Amino acid sequence: MTRWGGLNRAPGRGERFFTIFVFLLSSASFASFMGGEETGKGALAIVMPALWSLIYLVAVILFRKHCGGFLDRLRRDKLLVFLVALAMISAFWSEEPGHTLQRSVALFGTTFFGVYFASRFSLVDQLRILSRVFLIGAVLSPIVVAVLPQYGIAGPEFGHAWQGIYGHKNGLGSAMALGTIAFTFRAVMDRKGSLRWWAAAGLSVGLLLLSHAATSLLACAVSLMTFTLAPILRRPLRRIIWAVVGMGALAVGAGLWALNNLQFVMSLLGRDQSFTGRTTVWMVSIAMITRRPWLGYGYNEFWPAYGSDMVAHLTGLAEMSHAILNLWLDLGLLGVLIFILQYSKSLWCAVVAVRNTKSVEWFWPLVFLVYLATVGLVESIVLQRNGLSWIVFTSVAIQVSFRAQRKVSTVASSAIAASFGMQNRLGFNGTGGS
């Protein structure tokens, strides 16, 4: 069975369209037409929460109909449960408990959809759906730029970078980075249709470059390198150790060279040594963390409440903190430790899955986790409510955890069967007599 609900009917066309729609919405598609980054204001402040509530209600109905065993799924990833629960409990020490609770409920819905996605669709189906989502964005973005450039191209403050159907150039960059990765998987998996997927990958790379999103470009390159090197993990352990030592030495050498030539490296990426002012924001974030280091300010409370205004007043910049700093501001050191443990567990299970399988699609969890870590160095994508990255992370965490549990169960069953076989060969009848 490739799906957990293998005895149930396979997802139909309507269910697939629904999932594609959710991913388009969660990746901020068509945000340019809804006010860009101002989607939380005006009538949309009422419409979007209502739409997401309806989406999660439909997901619950589909899950109950086709999957079941929600608590059984989550028992395998208690750390994920603790992290989401901590976000909800943080309303007790938040300065705006009502807003914090509302946002944490949306986070729970986002996490639930990730569980549904992992439970209902196999890894192959997941890659098919994601590739179609990003293909829609890759095809429509140039059309929007050509027909409606006021929506498809950012202003002079962003160097007239392309943003396509997304509300920000970084939105286009993130979508096309993941799109390039998904298209590469499809090209390798689907030999008959590989040409069109390589063409789609080429288109997404072009759009990624036009978005001027340096972080997404770097994350895409690192992820594709991981995809290329992942087969090494299927070799004997001794060869893996030598390969890791060799790649580690190259990485350390490249890192030292980059530090000694930081200005040149940043100029290649079109950035300055302050990461476009991000380092200043990070220092302010660290200073604010020291005021509430253990439990933070409450889930998604610091920046919307007063952080953005404070940082804008002090530095003239907007929120640009990275994943761990933002998580620390939200849920304190406790939340950071829980997430690091969950991420480490998922990464280990993903590596084990690569070693114990022969299918290309099992490279996807490892590649995505590497992508998430790379992007998280600069952008805040952890515990992102109604966000594509958190949906996929939840799905990957649940998928690799289930794969690891099934492997353990298989090994245990084999050991028991071997034990009974040995008893039979020795002449025992299994009831204690002989």
Protein backbone atom coordinates (compact mmCIF):
# COMPACT_ATOMS: atom_id res chain seq x y z
CA MET A 1 0.00 0.00 0.00
CA THR A 2 1.47 3.36 -1.04
CA ARG A 3 -1.14 5.33 0.91
CA TRP A 4 -2.03 4.74 4.53
CA GLY A 5 -5.64 4.49 3.53
CA GLY A 6 -4.73 1.92 0.92
CA LEU A 7 -8.00 0.04 1.31
CA ASN A 8 -9.97 3.19 0.48
CA ARG A 9 -10.68 4.62 -2.93
CA ALA A 10 -7.77 6.52 -4.46
CA PRO A 11 -8.05 10.34 -4.47
CA GLY A 12 -10.39 11.47 -7.23
CA ARG A 13 -10.06 14.43 -9.56
CA GLY A 14 -12.11 16.71 -7.30
CA GLU A 15 -9.96 15.90 -4.28
CA ARG A 16 -6.81 16.56 -6.28
CA PHE A 17 -8.14 19.90 -7.57
CA PHE A 18 -9.01 20.86 -4.01
CA THR A 19 -5.47 20.07 -2.84
CA ILE A 20 -3.92 21.99 -5.74
CA PHE A 21 -6.13 25.00 -4.92
CA VAL A 22 -5.01 24.91 -1.28
CA PHE A 23 -1.35 24.82 -2.27
CA LEU A 24 -1.83 27.71 -4.69
CA LEU A 25 -3.44 29.73 -1.92
CA SER A 26 -0.82 28.77 0.66
CA SER A 27 2.01 29.83 -1.69
CA ALA A 28 0.49 33.35 -1.94
CA SER A 29 -0.50 32.88 -5.57
CA PHE A 30 -2.52 35.80 -6.95
CA ALA A 31 -1.56 37.85 -3.88
CA SER A 32 -0.64 40.72 -6.20
CA PHE A 33 -4.31 41.08 -7.12
CA MET A 34 -5.35 41.00 -3.46
CA GLY A 35 -3.17 43.82 -2.20
CA GLY A 36 0.19 42.06 -2.08
CA GLU A 37 1.50 42.14 1.48
CA GLU A 38 -1.59 44.05 2.62
CA THR A 39 -3.90 41.03 2.39
CA GLY A 40 -4.54 41.21 6.12
CA LYS A 41 -6.34 44.55 5.80
CA GLY A 42 -9.80 45.62 4.70
CA ALA A 43 -12.39 43.12 3.51
CA LEU A 44 -9.74 40.45 2.98
CA ALA A 45 -9.13 40.41 6.74
CA ILE A 46 -12.57 38.78 6.99
CA VAL A 47 -12.69 36.84 3.70
CA MET A 48 -9.34 35.03 3.99
CA PRO A 49 -9.83 33.61 7.52
CA ALA A 50 -13.31 32.45 6.52
CA LEU A 51 -11.91 30.80 3.37
CA TRP A 52 -9.16 29.03 5.33
CA SER A 53 -11.70 27.86 7.92
CA LEU A 54 -13.79 26.35 5.13
CA ILE A 55 -10.69 24.68 3.68
CA TYR A 56 -9.80 23.05 6.97
CA LEU A 57 -13.38 21.91 7.48
CA VAL A 58 -13.33 20.20 4.08
CA ALA A 59 -9.96 18.63 4.95
CA VAL A 60 -11.43 17.23 8.18
CA ILE A 61 -14.37 15.73 6.27
CA LEU A 62 -12.06 14.15 3.67
CA PHE A 63 -9.73 12.83 6.34
CA ARG A 64 -12.55 11.20 8.31
CA LYS A 65 -13.97 9.69 5.13
CA HIS A 66 -10.78 8.28 3.62
CA CYS A 67 -8.09 8.09 6.30
CA GLY A 68 -9.04 8.00 9.98
CA GLY A 69 -6.67 7.47 12.86
CA PHE A 70 -5.62 11.12 13.24
CA LEU A 71 -4.34 10.62 16.79
CA ASP A 72 -2.48 7.50 15.71
CA ARG A 73 -0.60 9.57 13.10
CA LEU A 74 0.33 12.24 15.63
CA ARG A 75 1.46 9.74 18.27
CA ARG A 76 4.41 8.98 16.03
CA ASP A 77 5.46 12.65 16.11
CA LYS A 78 4.78 13.85 19.64
CA LEU A 79 7.30 16.67 19.25
CA LEU A 80 5.21 18.12 16.45
CA VAL A 81 2.15 17.94 18.70
CA PHE A 82 4.04 19.61 21.56
CA LEU A 83 5.19 22.43 19.26
CA VAL A 84 1.70 23.25 18.00
CA ALA A 85 0.27 22.86 21.52
CA LEU A 86 2.90 25.27 22.85
CA ALA A 87 1.84 27.81 20.22
CA MET A 88 -1.76 27.57 21.41
CA ILE A 89 -0.86 27.68 25.10
CA SER A 90 1.30 30.77 24.50
CA ALA A 91 -1.93 32.80 24.46
CA PHE A 92 -1.71 32.74 28.27
CA TRP A 93 1.44 34.92 28.32
CA SER A 94 0.75 36.90 25.14
CA GLU A 95 -0.16 40.59 25.37
CA GLU A 96 -2.94 39.95 22.83
CA PRO A 97 -4.25 36.49 23.82
CA GLY A 98 -7.22 36.61 21.45
CA HIS A 99 -5.06 37.27 18.40
CA THR A 100 -2.50 34.68 19.49
CA LEU A 101 -5.16 32.01 19.96
CA GLN A 102 -6.73 32.82 16.58
CA ARG A 103 -3.38 32.52 14.81
CA SER A 104 -2.43 29.33 16.65
CA VAL A 105 -5.75 27.74 15.67
CA ALA A 106 -4.87 28.57 12.05
CA LEU A 107 -1.48 26.91 12.67
CA PHE A 108 -3.26 23.80 13.94
CA GLY A 109 -5.37 23.77 10.77
CA THR A 110 -2.23 24.13 8.63
CA THR A 111 -0.59 21.24 10.49
CA PHE A 112 -3.72 19.13 10.13
CA PHE A 113 -3.74 19.68 6.37
CA GLY A 114 -0.14 18.48 6.27
CA VAL A 115 -1.17 15.30 8.08
CA TYR A 116 -4.05 14.85 5.62
CA PHE A 117 -1.69 15.37 2.65
CA ALA A 118 0.76 12.76 3.98
CA SER A 119 -2.00 10.28 4.82
CA ARG A 120 -4.03 10.55 1.63
CA PHE A 121 -1.34 10.83 -1.06
CA SER A 122 1.72 8.73 -1.74
CA LEU A 123 5.07 10.46 -2.25
CA VAL A 124 4.68 10.09 -6.02
CA ASP A 125 1.25 11.70 -5.87
CA GLN A 126 2.58 14.46 -3.65
CA LEU A 127 5.29 15.31 -6.16
CA ARG A 128 2.74 15.26 -8.97
CA ILE A 129 0.48 17.70 -7.15
CA LEU A 130 3.33 20.03 -6.16
CA SER A 131 4.76 20.05 -9.69
CA ARG A 132 1.34 21.02 -11.09
CA VAL A 133 1.00 23.81 -8.52
CA PHE A 134 4.35 25.31 -9.43
CA LEU A 135 3.76 24.77 -13.14
CA ILE A 136 0.64 26.93 -12.90
CA GLY A 137 2.72 29.65 -11.25
CA ALA A 138 5.52 29.33 -13.80
CA VAL A 139 3.16 29.60 -16.78
CA LEU A 140 0.93 32.39 -15.45
CA SER A 141 3.68 34.63 -14.04
CA PRO A 142 5.16 35.72 -17.42
CA ILE A 143 1.62 36.31 -18.71
CA VAL A 144 0.85 38.59 -15.77
CA VAL A 145 4.14 40.46 -16.28
CA ALA A 146 3.35 41.00 -19.97
CA VAL A 147 -0.35 41.90 -19.61
CA LEU A 148 -0.45 43.51 -16.14
CA PRO A 149 3.11 44.67 -15.33
CA GLN A 150 1.84 46.84 -12.46
CA TYR A 151 0.99 43.60 -10.66
CA GLY A 152 3.71 41.33 -12.04
CA ILE A 153 6.74 43.58 -11.51
CA ALA A 154 7.86 45.01 -8.17
CA GLY A 155 8.59 48.68 -7.63
CA PRO A 156 11.94 50.50 -7.94
CA GLU A 157 12.75 49.79 -4.26
CA PHE A 158 13.15 46.13 -5.30
CA GLY A 159 14.95 46.88 -8.55
CA HIS A 160 11.86 46.15 -10.67
CA ALA A 161 12.26 42.44 -9.92
CA TRP A 162 9.57 40.08 -11.17
CA GLN A 163 6.95 38.85 -8.72
CA GLY A 164 4.50 37.30 -11.22
CA ILE A 165 1.26 36.10 -9.68
CA TYR A 166 2.77 36.35 -6.19
CA GLY A 167 2.60 39.33 -3.86
CA HIS A 168 6.35 39.75 -3.49
CA LYS A 169 9.51 38.95 -5.42
CA ASN A 170 10.53 36.54 -2.66
CA GLY A 171 7.21 34.74 -3.15
CA LEU A 172 8.03 34.13 -6.80
CA GLY A 173 11.58 33.14 -5.84
CA SER A 174 10.46 30.59 -3.24
CA ALA A 175 7.83 29.09 -5.55
CA MET A 176 10.21 28.77 -8.48
CA ALA A 177 12.98 27.32 -6.31
CA LEU A 178 10.67 24.57 -5.07
CA GLY A 179 9.25 24.30 -8.59
CA THR A 180 12.69 23.65 -10.05
CA ILE A 181 13.24 20.90 -7.50
CA ALA A 182 9.82 19.32 -8.11
CA PHE A 183 10.25 19.51 -11.91
CA THR A 184 13.65 17.82 -11.62
CA PHE A 185 12.09 14.98 -9.65
CA ARG A 186 9.37 14.60 -12.26
CA ALA A 187 11.88 14.61 -15.11
CA VAL A 188 13.91 11.84 -13.47
CA MET A 189 10.85 9.79 -12.46
CA ASP A 190 8.86 10.19 -15.69
CA ARG A 191 11.22 9.18 -18.47
CA LYS A 192 8.56 9.42 -21.20
CA GLY A 193 7.58 12.96 -20.31
CA SER A 194 11.00 14.07 -19.08
CA LEU A 195 11.49 16.62 -21.87
CA ARG A 196 8.52 18.78 -20.82
CA TRP A 197 9.58 18.67 -17.17
CA TRP A 198 13.13 19.70 -18.03
CA ALA A 199 11.60 22.56 -20.03
CA ALA A 200 9.50 23.50 -16.99
CA ALA A 201 12.63 23.42 -14.83
CA GLY A 202 14.37 25.74 -17.29
CA LEU A 203 11.42 28.16 -17.19
CA SER A 204 11.36 28.17 -13.40
CA VAL A 205 15.11 28.82 -13.21
CA GLY A 206 14.66 31.81 -15.52
CA LEU A 207 11.86 33.18 -13.35
CA LEU A 208 13.94 32.54 -10.24
CA LEU A 209 16.74 34.68 -11.66
CA LEU A 210 14.31 37.44 -12.66
CA SER A 211 12.91 37.52 -9.12
CA HIS A 212 16.33 38.57 -7.74
CA ALA A 213 15.67 36.30 -4.74
CA ALA A 214 19.22 35.37 -3.75
CA THR A 215 18.19 33.19 -0.80
CA SER A 216 15.83 31.10 -2.94
CA LEU A 217 18.51 30.74 -5.62
CA LEU A 218 21.03 29.51 -3.05
CA ALA A 219 18.47 27.12 -1.51
CA CYS A 220 17.60 25.74 -4.93
CA ALA A 221 21.26 25.12 -5.77
CA VAL A 222 21.98 23.41 -2.43
CA SER A 223 18.83 21.26 -2.74
CA LEU A 224 19.67 20.12 -6.27
CA MET A 225 23.18 19.29 -5.09
CA THR A 226 21.64 17.20 -2.32
CA PHE A 227 19.44 15.44 -4.87
CA THR A 228 22.52 14.65 -6.98
CA LEU A 229 24.57 13.35 -4.05
CA ALA A 230 21.76 11.47 -2.27
CA PRO A 231 22.51 8.12 -4.02
CA ILE A 232 25.79 8.04 -2.10
CA LEU A 233 23.76 7.24 1.02
CA ARG A 234 22.83 3.88 -0.53
CA ARG A 235 26.44 2.76 -0.68
CA PRO A 236 28.24 0.75 2.03
CA LEU A 237 28.79 2.62 5.28
CA ARG A 238 32.55 2.83 4.83
CA ARG A 239 32.21 4.64 1.51
CA ILE A 240 29.61 6.98 2.99
CA ILE A 241 32.01 7.98 5.78
CA TRP A 242 34.77 8.78 3.28
CA ALA A 243 32.34 10.73 1.12
CA VAL A 244 31.07 12.73 4.11
CA VAL A 245 34.62 13.49 5.23
CA GLY A 246 35.55 14.62 1.72
CA MET A 247 32.47 16.80 1.27
CA GLY A 248 32.92 18.22 4.78
CA ALA A 249 36.49 19.22 3.98
CA LEU A 250 35.33 20.88 0.75
CA ALA A 251 32.54 22.68 2.59
CA VAL A 252 34.90 23.98 5.28
CA GLY A 253 37.38 25.13 2.65
CA ALA A 254 34.67 26.86 0.64
CA GLY A 255 33.29 28.50 3.79
CA LEU A 256 36.68 29.86 4.83
CA TRP A 257 37.28 31.21 1.33
CA ALA A 258 33.83 32.84 1.31
CA LEU A 259 34.49 34.52 4.68
CA ASN A 260 37.82 35.86 3.46
CA ASN A 261 36.17 37.14 0.27
CA LEU A 262 32.78 38.05 1.71
CA GLN A 263 32.40 41.30 -0.20
CA PHE A 264 33.06 39.56 -3.53
CA VAL A 265 30.67 36.70 -2.72
CA MET A 266 27.89 39.05 -1.67
CA SER A 267 28.36 41.12 -4.81
CA LEU A 268 27.83 37.99 -6.89
CA LEU A 269 24.51 37.52 -5.10
CA GLY A 270 23.61 41.17 -5.55
CA ARG A 271 23.77 41.82 -1.80
CA ASP A 272 25.96 43.75 0.64
CA GLN A 273 27.71 42.40 3.72
CA SER A 274 24.73 43.31 5.90
CA PHE A 275 22.49 40.94 3.88
CA THR A 276 20.42 43.93 2.74
CA GLY A 277 20.15 45.21 6.28
CA ARG A 278 19.11 41.87 7.78
CA THR A 279 22.02 41.71 10.24
CA THR A 280 20.76 44.91 11.91
CA VAL A 281 17.29 43.41 12.32
CA TRP A 282 18.82 40.21 13.68
CA MET A 283 20.72 42.15 16.33
CA VAL A 284 17.51 43.92 17.38
CA SER A 285 15.73 40.52 17.50
CA ILE A 286 18.45 39.07 19.73
CA ALA A 287 18.18 42.05 22.06
CA MET A 288 14.42 41.52 22.38
CA ILE A 289 14.89 37.77 22.91
CA THR A 290 16.95 38.47 26.03
CA ARG A 291 13.87 40.09 27.62
CA ARG A 292 11.77 36.90 27.32
CA PRO A 293 14.24 34.10 26.59
CA TRP A 294 12.34 31.05 27.87
CA LEU A 295 8.77 31.26 26.50
CA GLY A 296 8.89 34.24 24.13
CA TYR A 297 6.18 36.78 23.44
CA GLY A 298 3.48 34.38 22.23
CA TYR A 299 2.93 32.74 18.86
CA ASN A 300 3.13 35.27 16.01
CA GLU A 301 2.73 38.10 18.52
CA PHE A 302 6.03 40.01 18.55
CA TRP A 303 6.15 41.35 14.98
CA PRO A 304 2.45 42.16 14.45
CA ALA A 305 2.11 43.76 17.90
CA TYR A 306 5.00 46.19 18.01
CA GLY A 307 8.12 44.55 16.62
CA SER A 308 7.72 45.77 13.03
CA ASP A 309 7.12 49.38 14.09
CA MET A 310 10.03 49.28 16.51
CA VAL A 311 12.45 47.80 13.97
CA ALA A 312 11.25 50.21 11.29
CA HIS A 313 11.82 53.12 13.69
CA LEU A 314 15.29 51.97 14.71
CA THR A 315 16.60 50.70 11.38
CA GLY A 316 14.20 51.88 8.68
CA LEU A 317 13.67 48.23 7.70
CA ALA A 318 10.78 45.78 7.94
CA GLU A 319 10.69 42.35 9.58
CA MET A 320 13.48 40.20 8.12
CA SER A 321 14.37 37.84 10.95
CA HIS A 322 15.24 34.23 10.17
CA ALA A 323 13.50 31.05 11.21
CA ILE A 324 15.19 30.30 14.54
CA LEU A 325 15.18 33.92 15.77
CA ASN A 326 11.51 34.32 14.93
CA LEU A 327 10.67 31.02 16.61
CA TRP A 328 12.63 32.14 19.68
CA LEU A 329 10.69 35.43 19.76
CA ASP A 330 7.40 33.52 19.48
CA LEU A 331 7.88 30.48 21.74
CA GLY A 332 11.18 31.05 23.49
CA LEU A 333 14.03 28.61 23.96
CA LEU A 334 11.56 25.81 24.71
CA GLY A 335 9.98 26.13 21.27
CA VAL A 336 13.39 26.29 19.58
CA LEU A 337 14.57 23.10 21.30
CA ILE A 338 11.37 21.21 20.42
CA PHE A 339 11.63 22.23 16.76
CA ILE A 340 15.33 21.34 16.52
CA LEU A 341 14.61 17.90 18.00
CA GLN A 342 11.70 17.37 15.58
CA TYR A 343 13.76 18.53 12.60
CA SER A 344 16.72 16.34 13.59
CA LYS A 345 14.47 13.32 13.99
CA SER A 346 12.85 13.91 10.59
CA LEU A 347 16.24 14.43 8.94
CA TRP A 348 17.56 11.17 10.39
CA CYS A 349 14.45 9.26 9.29
CA ALA A 350 14.78 10.80 5.81
CA VAL A 351 18.40 9.61 5.54
CA VAL A 352 17.39 6.12 6.70
CA ALA A 353 14.55 6.10 4.15
CA VAL A 354 17.01 6.89 1.35
CA ARG A 355 19.28 4.05 2.46
CA ASN A 356 16.48 1.48 2.78
CA THR A 357 14.63 2.21 -0.47
CA LYS A 358 15.45 2.15 -4.16
CA SER A 359 12.86 4.65 -5.40
CA VAL A 360 13.80 8.17 -6.44
CA GLU A 361 10.78 9.74 -4.73
CA TRP A 362 12.24 8.90 -1.32
CA PHE A 363 14.93 11.50 -2.00
CA TRP A 364 12.21 14.16 -1.68
CA PRO A 365 11.97 14.30 2.17
CA LEU A 366 15.74 14.73 2.50
CA VAL A 367 15.94 17.33 -0.27
CA PHE A 368 13.05 19.36 1.12
CA LEU A 369 14.48 19.35 4.65
CA VAL A 370 17.78 20.67 3.27
CA TYR A 371 15.85 23.35 1.35
CA LEU A 372 13.96 24.34 4.51
CA ALA A 373 17.18 24.68 6.52
CA THR A 374 18.83 26.80 3.83
CA VAL A 375 15.91 29.20 3.43
CA GLY A 376 15.43 29.33 7.20
CA LEU A 377 18.85 30.95 7.61
CA VAL A 378 17.44 34.19 6.19
CA GLU A 379 13.64 33.92 6.12
CA SER A 380 11.04 32.95 8.71
CA ILE A 381 9.20 29.90 7.37
CA VAL A 382 8.92 27.75 10.52
CA LEU A 383 5.44 27.49 12.11
CA GLN A 384 4.03 29.51 9.23
CA ARG A 385 0.25 29.42 9.48
CA ASN A 386 -1.60 28.91 6.18
CA GLY A 387 1.82 28.52 4.57
CA LEU A 388 2.98 25.99 2.02
CA SER A 389 6.36 25.36 3.68
CA TRP A 390 4.81 24.27 6.99
CA ILE A 391 2.25 22.06 5.24
CA VAL A 392 4.99 20.27 3.33
CA PHE A 393 7.25 20.04 6.40
CA THR A 394 4.43 18.44 8.40
CA SER A 395 3.73 16.03 5.55
CA VAL A 396 7.40 15.08 5.24
CA ALA A 397 7.79 14.62 9.02
CA ILE A 398 4.74 12.36 9.22
CA GLN A 399 5.72 10.42 6.07
CA VAL A 400 9.29 9.57 7.13
CA SER A 401 8.17 8.80 10.68
CA PHE A 402 5.57 6.35 9.37
CA ARG A 403 8.20 4.82 7.07
CA ALA A 404 10.58 4.35 10.01
CA GLN A 405 7.87 2.84 12.22
CA ARG A 406 6.81 0.44 9.48
CA LYS A 407 10.42 -0.60 8.98
CA VAL A 408 10.79 -1.32 12.71
CA SER A 409 7.54 -3.31 12.72
CA THR A 410 8.70 -5.32 9.70
CA VAL A 411 12.04 -6.13 11.34
CA ALA A 412 10.29 -7.15 14.58
CA SER A 413 7.84 -9.37 12.67
CA SER A 414 10.71 -10.99 10.79
CA ALA A 415 12.54 -11.64 14.05
CA ILE A 416 9.45 -13.24 15.61
CA ALA A 417 8.88 -15.36 12.51
CA ALA A 418 12.51 -16.47 12.55
CA SER A 419 12.20 -17.34 16.23
CA PHE A 420 9.15 -19.53 15.61
CA GLY A 421 10.93 -21.13 12.66
CA MET A 422 13.90 -21.97 14.87
CA GLN A 423 11.57 -23.50 17.50
CA ASN A 424 9.94 -25.70 14.87
CA ARG A 425 13.31 -26.87 13.61
CA LEU A 426 14.30 -27.74 17.16
CA GLY A 427 11.12 -29.75 17.62
CA PHE A 428 9.06 -27.44 19.83
CA ASN A 429 5.35 -27.25 19.15
CA GLY A 430 4.93 -23.65 20.41
CA THR A 431 2.93 -24.61 23.54
CA GLY A 432 5.79 -25.40 25.82
CA GLY A 433 5.74 -29.19 25.14
CA SER A 434 8.05 -31.21 22.96
